[in-house]
Amino acid sequence: MEWSWYLANDMQFYVISPLFLITLWRWPKDGYSLLGLFFCITFTCNFVLTYEYDLVVCIGNIIANTNDILKFVP
């Protein structure tokens, strides 16, 4: 079931997108503020998880961290 990740992702967009679209349509200033806040929260969560679990940050580090990556591959 390789397609299940897409269904979960699509469902999240289906549930969350009306919140942003309605806010942008009725109150554009508040809608853009909500989008900015959402992006800041998303970037902060990604940074914290990457830092906390010492994950590979970019493609250039993959060769240097091959042993760490192989731990996650079943």
N, C-alpha and C. Protein backbone atom coordinates (compact mmCIF):
# COMPACT_ATOMS: atom_id res chain seq x y z
N MET A 1 0.83 -1.19 0.00
CA MET A 1 0.00 0.00 0.00
C MET A 1 0.88 1.25 0.00
N GLU A 2 1.56 1.44 -1.11
CA GLU A 2 2.44 2.60 -1.21
C GLU A 2 1.67 3.91 -1.31
N TRP A 3 0.42 3.87 -1.69
CA TRP A 3 -0.35 5.08 -1.89
C TRP A 3 -0.96 5.61 -0.59
N SER A 4 -0.85 4.91 0.50
CA SER A 4 -1.51 5.34 1.73
C SER A 4 -0.93 6.63 2.29
N TRP A 5 0.37 6.90 2.09
CA TRP A 5 0.94 8.16 2.56
C TRP A 5 0.27 9.33 1.86
N TYR A 6 -0.05 9.16 0.57
CA TYR A 6 -0.69 10.23 -0.18
C TYR A 6 -2.10 10.48 0.32
N LEU A 7 -2.83 9.44 0.65
CA LEU A 7 -4.19 9.60 1.15
C LEU A 7 -4.20 10.33 2.49
N ALA A 8 -3.26 10.01 3.35
CA ALA A 8 -3.18 10.69 4.64
C ALA A 8 -2.83 12.16 4.45
N ASN A 9 -1.90 12.44 3.55
CA ASN A 9 -1.50 13.81 3.27
C ASN A 9 -2.66 14.59 2.65
N ASP A 10 -3.35 13.99 1.71
CA ASP A 10 -4.48 14.64 1.05
C ASP A 10 -5.61 14.91 2.03
N MET A 11 -5.85 14.01 2.96
CA MET A 11 -6.90 14.21 3.96
C MET A 11 -6.56 15.38 4.88
N GLN A 12 -5.29 15.53 5.24
CA GLN A 12 -4.89 16.66 6.08
C GLN A 12 -5.12 17.98 5.34
N PHE A 13 -4.78 18.02 4.06
CA PHE A 13 -5.03 19.24 3.28
C PHE A 13 -6.52 19.51 3.16
N TYR A 14 -7.33 18.47 3.01
CA TYR A 14 -8.77 18.61 2.87
C TYR A 14 -9.39 19.18 4.15
N VAL A 15 -8.87 18.79 5.29
CA VAL A 15 -9.42 19.24 6.57
C VAL A 15 -8.93 20.64 6.92
N ILE A 16 -7.65 20.93 6.67
CA ILE A 16 -7.06 22.19 7.10
C ILE A 16 -7.28 23.33 6.11
N SER A 17 -7.33 23.05 4.83
CA SER A 17 -7.38 24.12 3.83
C SER A 17 -8.61 25.03 3.94
N PRO A 18 -9.81 24.55 4.29
CA PRO A 18 -10.92 25.50 4.42
C PRO A 18 -10.68 26.57 5.49
N LEU A 19 -9.98 26.22 6.54
CA LEU A 19 -9.66 27.21 7.57
C LEU A 19 -8.87 28.37 6.97
N PHE A 20 -7.87 28.05 6.16
CA PHE A 20 -7.05 29.09 5.55
C PHE A 20 -7.80 29.82 4.43
N LEU A 21 -8.52 29.08 3.61
CA LEU A 21 -9.20 29.70 2.47
C LEU A 21 -10.32 30.63 2.90
N ILE A 22 -11.11 30.21 3.86
CA ILE A 22 -12.20 31.07 4.34
C ILE A 22 -11.64 32.31 5.02
N THR A 23 -10.61 32.13 5.81
CA THR A 23 -9.99 33.28 6.48
C THR A 23 -9.39 34.24 5.47
N LEU A 24 -8.72 33.72 4.44
CA LEU A 24 -8.15 34.59 3.41
C LEU A 24 -9.23 35.30 2.61
N TRP A 25 -10.35 34.66 2.39
CA TRP A 25 -11.41 35.25 1.59
C TRP A 25 -12.16 36.34 2.36
N ARG A 26 -12.49 36.07 3.62
CA ARG A 26 -13.30 37.02 4.39
C ARG A 26 -12.47 38.11 5.06
N TRP A 27 -11.32 37.75 5.58
CA TRP A 27 -10.45 38.69 6.27
C TRP A 27 -9.02 38.51 5.77
N PRO A 28 -8.68 39.14 4.65
CA PRO A 28 -7.36 38.89 4.04
C PRO A 28 -6.18 39.19 4.97
N LYS A 29 -6.27 40.25 5.73
CA LYS A 29 -5.16 40.60 6.63
C LYS A 29 -4.95 39.51 7.68
N ASP A 30 -6.03 39.07 8.29
CA ASP A 30 -5.94 37.99 9.28
C ASP A 30 -5.53 36.67 8.64
N GLY A 31 -5.99 36.46 7.41
CA GLY A 31 -5.63 35.23 6.70
C GLY A 31 -4.14 35.13 6.43
N TYR A 32 -3.55 36.24 5.99
CA TYR A 32 -2.10 36.22 5.76
C TYR A 32 -1.33 36.08 7.07
N SER A 33 -1.85 36.66 8.13
CA SER A 33 -1.21 36.49 9.44
C SER A 33 -1.29 35.03 9.89
N LEU A 34 -2.43 34.39 9.65
CA LEU A 34 -2.59 32.98 10.00
C LEU A 34 -1.64 32.11 9.19
N LEU A 35 -1.49 32.41 7.89
CA LEU A 35 -0.55 31.66 7.06
C LEU A 35 0.89 31.84 7.55
N GLY A 36 1.25 33.08 7.88
CA GLY A 36 2.59 33.34 8.39
C GLY A 36 2.85 32.60 9.70
N LEU A 37 1.87 32.61 10.58
CA LEU A 37 2.00 31.89 11.85
C LEU A 37 2.13 30.39 11.61
N PHE A 38 1.34 29.85 10.69
CA PHE A 38 1.41 28.43 10.37
C PHE A 38 2.78 28.05 9.82
N PHE A 39 3.32 28.88 8.92
CA PHE A 39 4.65 28.60 8.37
C PHE A 39 5.72 28.67 9.44
N CYS A 40 5.63 29.65 10.34
CA CYS A 40 6.61 29.76 11.43
C CYS A 40 6.55 28.53 12.34
N ILE A 41 5.36 28.09 12.67
CA ILE A 41 5.22 26.90 13.52
C ILE A 41 5.77 25.67 12.81
N THR A 42 5.49 25.55 11.51
CA THR A 42 5.98 24.40 10.75
C THR A 42 7.50 24.39 10.69
N PHE A 43 8.11 25.54 10.39
CA PHE A 43 9.57 25.61 10.32
C PHE A 43 10.20 25.34 11.67
N THR A 44 9.59 25.85 12.74
CA THR A 44 10.12 25.64 14.08
C THR A 44 10.05 24.16 14.46
N CYS A 45 8.93 23.52 14.17
CA CYS A 45 8.81 22.08 14.48
C CYS A 45 9.83 21.26 13.70
N ASN A 46 10.01 21.57 12.42
CA ASN A 46 11.01 20.85 11.62
C ASN A 46 12.41 21.07 12.17
N PHE A 47 12.73 22.29 12.57
CA PHE A 47 14.05 22.57 13.11
C PHE A 47 14.28 21.81 14.42
N VAL A 48 13.30 21.84 15.31
CA VAL A 48 13.44 21.18 16.60
C VAL A 48 13.60 19.67 16.42
N LEU A 49 12.79 19.06 15.56
CA LEU A 49 12.91 17.62 15.33
C LEU A 49 14.24 17.26 14.69
N THR A 50 14.70 18.07 13.75
CA THR A 50 15.98 17.81 13.11
C THR A 50 17.12 17.94 14.11
N TYR A 51 17.06 18.95 14.96
CA TYR A 51 18.11 19.17 15.95
C TYR A 51 18.07 18.10 17.04
N GLU A 52 16.88 17.80 17.53
CA GLU A 52 16.73 16.87 18.64
C GLU A 52 17.17 15.45 18.28
N TYR A 53 16.83 15.01 17.09
CA TYR A 53 17.16 13.65 16.67
C TYR A 53 18.40 13.58 15.80
N ASP A 54 19.10 14.70 15.65
CA ASP A 54 20.34 14.77 14.89
C ASP A 54 20.17 14.18 13.49
N LEU A 55 19.15 14.66 12.79
CA LEU A 55 18.84 14.16 11.45
C LEU A 55 19.70 14.84 10.40
N VAL A 56 19.78 14.25 9.23
CA VAL A 56 20.54 14.82 8.12
C VAL A 56 19.81 16.05 7.61
N VAL A 57 20.53 17.16 7.50
CA VAL A 57 19.91 18.42 7.13
C VAL A 57 19.80 18.59 5.62
N CYS A 58 20.82 18.22 4.89
CA CYS A 58 20.80 18.41 3.44
C CYS A 58 21.40 17.21 2.73
N ILE A 59 21.23 17.20 1.43
CA ILE A 59 21.71 16.09 0.61
C ILE A 59 23.22 15.93 0.72
N GLY A 60 23.95 17.01 0.86
CA GLY A 60 25.41 16.93 0.94
C GLY A 60 25.91 16.14 2.13
N ASN A 61 25.12 16.04 3.19
CA ASN A 61 25.53 15.32 4.39
C ASN A 61 25.20 13.84 4.35
N ILE A 62 24.52 13.39 3.32
CA ILE A 62 24.11 11.98 3.27
C ILE A 62 25.31 11.05 3.18
N ILE A 63 26.30 11.40 2.37
CA ILE A 63 27.46 10.53 2.22
C ILE A 63 28.23 10.44 3.53
N ALA A 64 28.34 11.54 4.24
CA ALA A 64 29.07 11.54 5.51
C ALA A 64 28.33 10.77 6.59
N ASN A 65 27.01 10.70 6.50
CA ASN A 65 26.20 10.06 7.53
C ASN A 65 25.55 8.77 7.05
N THR A 66 26.22 8.02 6.22
CA THR A 66 25.63 6.79 5.66
C THR A 66 25.28 5.78 6.74
N ASN A 67 26.12 5.62 7.73
CA ASN A 67 25.84 4.65 8.80
C ASN A 67 24.60 5.02 9.59
N ASP A 68 24.41 6.32 9.84
CA ASP A 68 23.21 6.75 10.56
C ASP A 68 21.96 6.50 9.74
N ILE A 69 22.05 6.72 8.44
CA ILE A 69 20.89 6.54 7.57
C ILE A 69 20.52 5.06 7.48
N LEU A 70 21.52 4.19 7.44
CA LEU A 70 21.24 2.76 7.32
C LEU A 70 20.55 2.20 8.56
N LYS A 71 20.64 2.87 9.69
CA LYS A 71 19.93 2.43 10.89
C LYS A 71 18.42 2.52 10.71
N PHE A 72 17.96 3.47 9.88
CA PHE A 72 16.53 3.67 9.68
C PHE A 72 15.96 2.78 8.59
N VAL A 73 16.80 2.21 7.76
CA VAL A 73 16.34 1.36 6.66
C VAL A 73 16.16 -0.06 7.19
N PRO A 74 14.97 -0.64 6.99
CA PRO A 74 14.74 -2.00 7.52
C PRO A 74 15.50 -3.06 6.75
